[in-house]
C-alpha atoms as a PDB file:
ATOM      1  CA  MET A   1       4.518  -9.078  -8.898  1.00  0.00           C
ATOM      2  CA  GLU A   2       1.807 -11.678  -9.194  1.00  0.00           C
ATOM      3  CA  GLU A   3       2.511 -12.755  -5.605  1.00  0.00           C
ATOM      4  CA  PHE A   4       1.542  -9.212  -4.537  1.00  0.00           C
ATOM      5  CA  ILE A   5      -1.726  -8.924  -6.417  1.00  0.00           C
ATOM      6  CA  ASP A   6      -4.518 -11.079  -5.045  1.00  0.00           C
ATOM      7  CA  LYS A   7      -8.069  -9.996  -4.234  1.00  0.00           C
ATOM      8  CA  ARG A   8      -8.013 -12.258  -1.184  1.00  0.00           C
ATOM      9  CA  PHE A   9      -5.301 -10.037   0.351  1.00  0.00           C
ATOM     10  CA  THR A  10      -5.877  -7.019   2.564  1.00  0.00           C
ATOM     11  CA  TYR A  11      -3.948  -3.965   1.411  1.00  0.00           C
ATOM     12  CA  ALA A  12      -3.023  -1.074   3.686  1.00  0.00           C
ATOM     13  CA  VAL A  13      -2.630   2.137   1.698  1.00  0.00           C
ATOM     14  CA  VAL A  14      -0.258   4.282   3.754  1.00  0.00           C
ATOM     15  CA  GLY A  15      -0.728   7.874   2.689  1.00  0.00           C
ATOM     16  CA  ALA A  16      -4.376   7.469   1.747  1.00  0.00           C
ATOM     17  CA  SER A  17      -5.985  10.859   1.238  1.00  0.00           C
ATOM     18  CA  LYS A  18      -9.391  12.512   0.894  1.00  0.00           C
ATOM     19  CA  ASN A  19      -7.871  14.904  -1.640  1.00  0.00           C
ATOM     20  CA  GLN A  20      -8.947  13.498  -5.011  1.00  0.00           C
ATOM     21  CA  SER A  21      -5.948  15.004  -6.800  1.00  0.00           C
ATOM     22  CA  LYS A  22      -3.441  13.077  -4.656  1.00  0.00           C
ATOM     23  CA  TYR A  23      -2.193   9.613  -5.505  1.00  0.00           C
ATOM     24  CA  GLY A  24      -3.072   8.456  -1.995  1.00  0.00           C
ATOM     25  CA  PHE A  25      -6.716   8.915  -2.999  1.00  0.00           C
ATOM     26  CA  LYS A  26      -6.303   7.558  -6.542  1.00  0.00           C
ATOM     27  CA  VAL A  27      -4.601   4.330  -5.445  1.00  0.00           C
ATOM     28  CA  LEU A  28      -7.130   3.693  -2.670  1.00  0.00           C
ATOM     29  CA  LYS A  29     -10.133   4.342  -4.940  1.00  0.00           C
ATOM     30  CA  ASP A  30      -8.725   2.372  -7.864  1.00  0.00           C
ATOM     31  CA  LEU A  31      -8.092  -0.723  -5.745  1.00  0.00           C
ATOM     32  CA  LYS A  32     -11.413  -0.434  -3.930  1.00  0.00           C
ATOM     33  CA  ASP A  33     -13.320  -0.031  -7.206  1.00  0.00           C
ATOM     34  CA  ALA A  34     -11.495  -3.064  -8.640  1.00  0.00           C
ATOM     35  CA  GLY A  35     -12.710  -5.223  -5.739  1.00  0.00           C
ATOM     36  CA  PHE A  36      -9.590  -5.330  -3.608  1.00  0.00           C
ATOM     37  CA  ARG A  37      -9.842  -5.202   0.194  1.00  0.00           C
ATOM     38  CA  VAL A  38      -8.200  -1.962   1.203  1.00  0.00           C
ATOM     39  CA  VAL A  39      -7.547  -0.187   4.480  1.00  0.00           C
ATOM     40  CA  PRO A  40      -6.662   3.524   4.451  1.00  0.00           C
ATOM     41  CA  ILE A  41      -3.817   4.691   6.705  1.00  0.00           C
ATOM     42  CA  ASN A  42      -3.420   8.404   7.463  1.00  0.00           C
ATOM     43  CA  PRO A  43      -2.824   9.919  10.920  1.00  0.00           C
ATOM     44  CA  HIS A  44      -4.828  13.028   9.974  1.00  0.00           C
ATOM     45  CA  GLU A  45      -8.072  11.379   8.784  1.00  0.00           C
ATOM     46  CA  THR A  46     -10.814   9.324  10.399  1.00  0.00           C
ATOM     47  CA  GLU A  47     -12.653   8.200   7.250  1.00  0.00           C
ATOM     48  CA  ILE A  48     -11.895   8.054   3.527  1.00  0.00           C
ATOM     49  CA  LEU A  49     -14.283   6.803   0.836  1.00  0.00           C
ATOM     50  CA  GLY A  50     -16.663   5.628   3.541  1.00  0.00           C
ATOM     51  CA  MET A  51     -14.012   3.445   5.178  1.00  0.00           C
ATOM     52  CA  LYS A  52     -12.549   3.843   8.635  1.00  0.00           C
ATOM     53  CA  CYS A  53      -9.090   5.359   8.345  1.00  0.00           C
ATOM     54  CA  PHE A  54      -6.434   4.150  10.766  1.00  0.00           C
ATOM     55  CA  LYS A  55      -3.697   6.340  12.240  1.00  0.00           C
ATOM     56  CA  SER A  56      -0.951   3.748  11.725  1.00  0.00           C
ATOM     57  CA  LEU A  57      -0.421   0.142  10.686  1.00  0.00           C
ATOM     58  CA  LYS A  58      -0.332  -1.008  14.300  1.00  0.00           C
ATOM     59  CA  ASP A  59      -3.879   0.324  14.798  1.00  0.00           C
ATOM     60  CA  VAL A  60      -5.432  -1.862  12.085  1.00  0.00           C
ATOM     61  CA  ASP A  61      -7.693  -4.520  13.566  1.00  0.00           C
ATOM     62  CA  LYS A  62      -7.148  -7.126  10.823  1.00  0.00           C
ATOM     63  CA  LYS A  63      -4.242  -8.942   9.188  1.00  0.00           C
ATOM     64  CA  ILE A  64      -2.485  -6.842   6.557  1.00  0.00           C
ATOM     65  CA  ASP A  65      -1.000  -8.804   3.672  1.00  0.00           C
ATOM     66  CA  VAL A  66       0.502  -5.966   1.619  1.00  0.00           C
ATOM     67  CA  VAL A  67       1.469  -2.415   2.546  1.00  0.00           C
ATOM     68  CA  ILE A  68       1.388   0.143  -0.250  1.00  0.00           C
ATOM     69  CA  THR A  69       3.324   3.324   0.425  1.00  0.00           C
ATOM     70  CA  VAL A  70       2.148   6.589  -1.126  1.00  0.00           C
ATOM     71  CA  VAL A  71       4.194   8.876   1.099  1.00  0.00           C
ATOM     72  CA  PRO A  72       7.467  10.816   0.883  1.00  0.00           C
ATOM     73  CA  PRO A  73      10.586   8.580   0.849  1.00  0.00           C
ATOM     74  CA  LYS A  74      11.672   9.546   4.392  1.00  0.00           C
ATOM     75  CA  ILE A  75       8.320   8.328   5.729  1.00  0.00           C
ATOM     76  CA  THR A  76       8.636   5.114   3.712  1.00  0.00           C
ATOM     77  CA  GLU A  77      11.779   4.365   5.738  1.00  0.00           C
ATOM     78  CA  LYS A  78       9.725   4.485   8.947  1.00  0.00           C
ATOM     79  CA  ILE A  79       6.885   2.468   7.434  1.00  0.00           C
ATOM     80  CA  VAL A  80       9.112  -0.463   6.435  1.00  0.00           C
ATOM     81  CA  GLU A  81      10.535  -0.575   9.957  1.00  0.00           C
ATOM     82  CA  GLU A  82       6.976  -0.729  11.288  1.00  0.00           C
ATOM     83  CA  CYS A  83       6.186  -3.503   8.787  1.00  0.00           C
ATOM     84  CA  SER A  84       9.147  -5.490  10.080  1.00  0.00           C
ATOM     85  CA  SER A  85       8.057  -5.126  13.699  1.00  0.00           C
ATOM     86  CA  LEU A  86       4.492  -6.201  12.762  1.00  0.00           C
ATOM     87  CA  GLY A  87       5.608  -9.186  10.683  1.00  0.00           C
ATOM     88  CA  ILE A  88       4.300  -7.771   7.387  1.00  0.00           C
ATOM     89  CA  LYS A  89       6.314  -9.348   4.585  1.00  0.00           C
ATOM     90  CA  LYS A  90       5.129  -7.518   1.442  1.00  0.00           C
ATOM     91  CA  VAL A  91       5.657  -3.813   0.679  1.00  0.00           C
ATOM     92  CA  TRP A  92       4.804  -2.031  -2.560  1.00  0.00           C
ATOM     93  CA  MET A  93       6.451   1.383  -2.877  1.00  0.00           C
ATOM     94  CA  GLN A  94       4.500   3.506  -5.308  1.00  0.00           C
ATOM     95  CA  PRO A  95       6.574   5.691  -7.667  1.00  0.00           C
ATOM     96  CA  GLY A  96       7.767   8.713  -5.707  1.00  0.00           C
ATOM     97  CA  SER A  97       7.718   6.940  -2.358  1.00  0.00           C
ATOM     98  CA  GLU A  98      10.720   4.714  -3.039  1.00  0.00           C
ATOM     99  CA  ASP A  99      13.762   5.127  -0.887  1.00  0.00           C
ATOM    100  CA  GLU A 100      17.053   3.298  -1.305  1.00  0.00           C
ATOM    101  CA  LYS A 101      17.500   2.904   2.469  1.00  0.00           C
ATOM    102  CA  ALA A 102      13.955   1.515   2.769  1.00  0.00           C
ATOM    103  CA  ILE A 103      14.496  -0.894  -0.141  1.00  0.00           C
ATOM    104  CA  ASN A 104      17.756  -2.142   1.392  1.00  0.00           C
ATOM    105  CA  PHE A 105      16.059  -2.458   4.796  1.00  0.00           C
ATOM    106  CA  CYS A 106      13.389  -4.656   3.216  1.00  0.00           C
ATOM    107  CA  LYS A 107      15.968  -6.867   1.530  1.00  0.00           C
ATOM    108  CA  ARG A 108      17.999  -7.248   4.743  1.00  0.00           C
ATOM    109  CA  ASN A 109      14.868  -8.062   6.759  1.00  0.00           C
ATOM    110  CA  HIS A 110      13.307 -10.567   4.345  1.00  0.00           C
ATOM    111  CA  ILE A 111      10.451  -8.277   3.298  1.00  0.00           C
ATOM    112  CA  ASN A 112       9.441  -8.737  -0.332  1.00  0.00           C
ATOM    113  CA  VAL A 113       9.458  -5.330  -1.984  1.00  0.00           C
ATOM    114  CA  VAL A 114       8.174  -3.932  -5.272  1.00  0.00           C
ATOM    115  CA  TYR A 115       9.197  -0.471  -6.478  1.00  0.00           C
ATOM    116  CA  ASN A 116       9.536   1.549  -9.699  1.00  0.00           C
ATOM    117  CA  THR A 117       6.086   0.461 -10.873  1.00  0.00           C
ATOM    118  CA  CYS A 118       2.490   1.413 -10.111  1.00  0.00           C
ATOM    119  CA  ILE A 119       0.034  -1.047  -8.592  1.00  0.00           C
ATOM    120  CA  MET A 120      -2.825   0.628 -10.478  1.00  0.00           C
ATOM    121  CA  VAL A 121      -1.168  -0.349 -13.763  1.00  0.00           C
ATOM    122  CA  GLU A 122       0.082  -3.766 -12.694  1.00  0.00           C
ATOM    123  CA  HIS A 123      -3.187  -5.109 -11.277  1.00  0.00           C
ATOM    124  CA  LYS A 124      -4.930  -4.240 -14.561  1.00  0.00           C
ATOM    125  CA  LEU A 125      -2.235  -6.042 -16.569  1.00  0.00           C
ATOM    126  CA  LEU A 126      -2.764  -9.174 -14.474  1.00  0.00           C
ATOM    127  CA  ASP A 127      -6.572  -8.974 -14.644  1.00  0.00           C
ATOM    128  CA  LYS A 128      -7.245 -10.598 -18.001  1.00  0.00           C
ATOM    129  CA  SER A 129     -10.959  -9.719 -17.812  1.00  0.00           C
ATOM    130  CA  PHE A 130     -10.007  -6.018 -17.784  1.00  0.00           C
ATOM    131  CA  PHE A 131      -9.095  -6.302 -21.477  1.00  0.00           C
ATOM    132  CA  ILE A 132     -12.171  -8.232 -22.641  1.00  0.00           C
END
């Protein structure tokens, strides 16, 4: 997991939301507040937390290092295919967005994948200063 968590990376949060009760909002805000570079992805929004929101990964105008999925599993399947076509090699599937077909697709297509754990928890565990 350490290879996924680096503040020099740009993270695309697919499923970012303006709705503060949704995990798409919580993940985006948590990472942004912790100093990570994040890009919201949601086809129904233009701006979230003061940041330009992109309709899809292919619309992002900078290199994406890690894609975080916070969407239903069937959408995750489509997202990992898009990652493959864009050359994105790291995908983090938030709990609830995991999909066995998507995980197998990643493994077959040499995309590093993390699932069954939350990035909001894991980045805090790796940030030693968080506990001081």
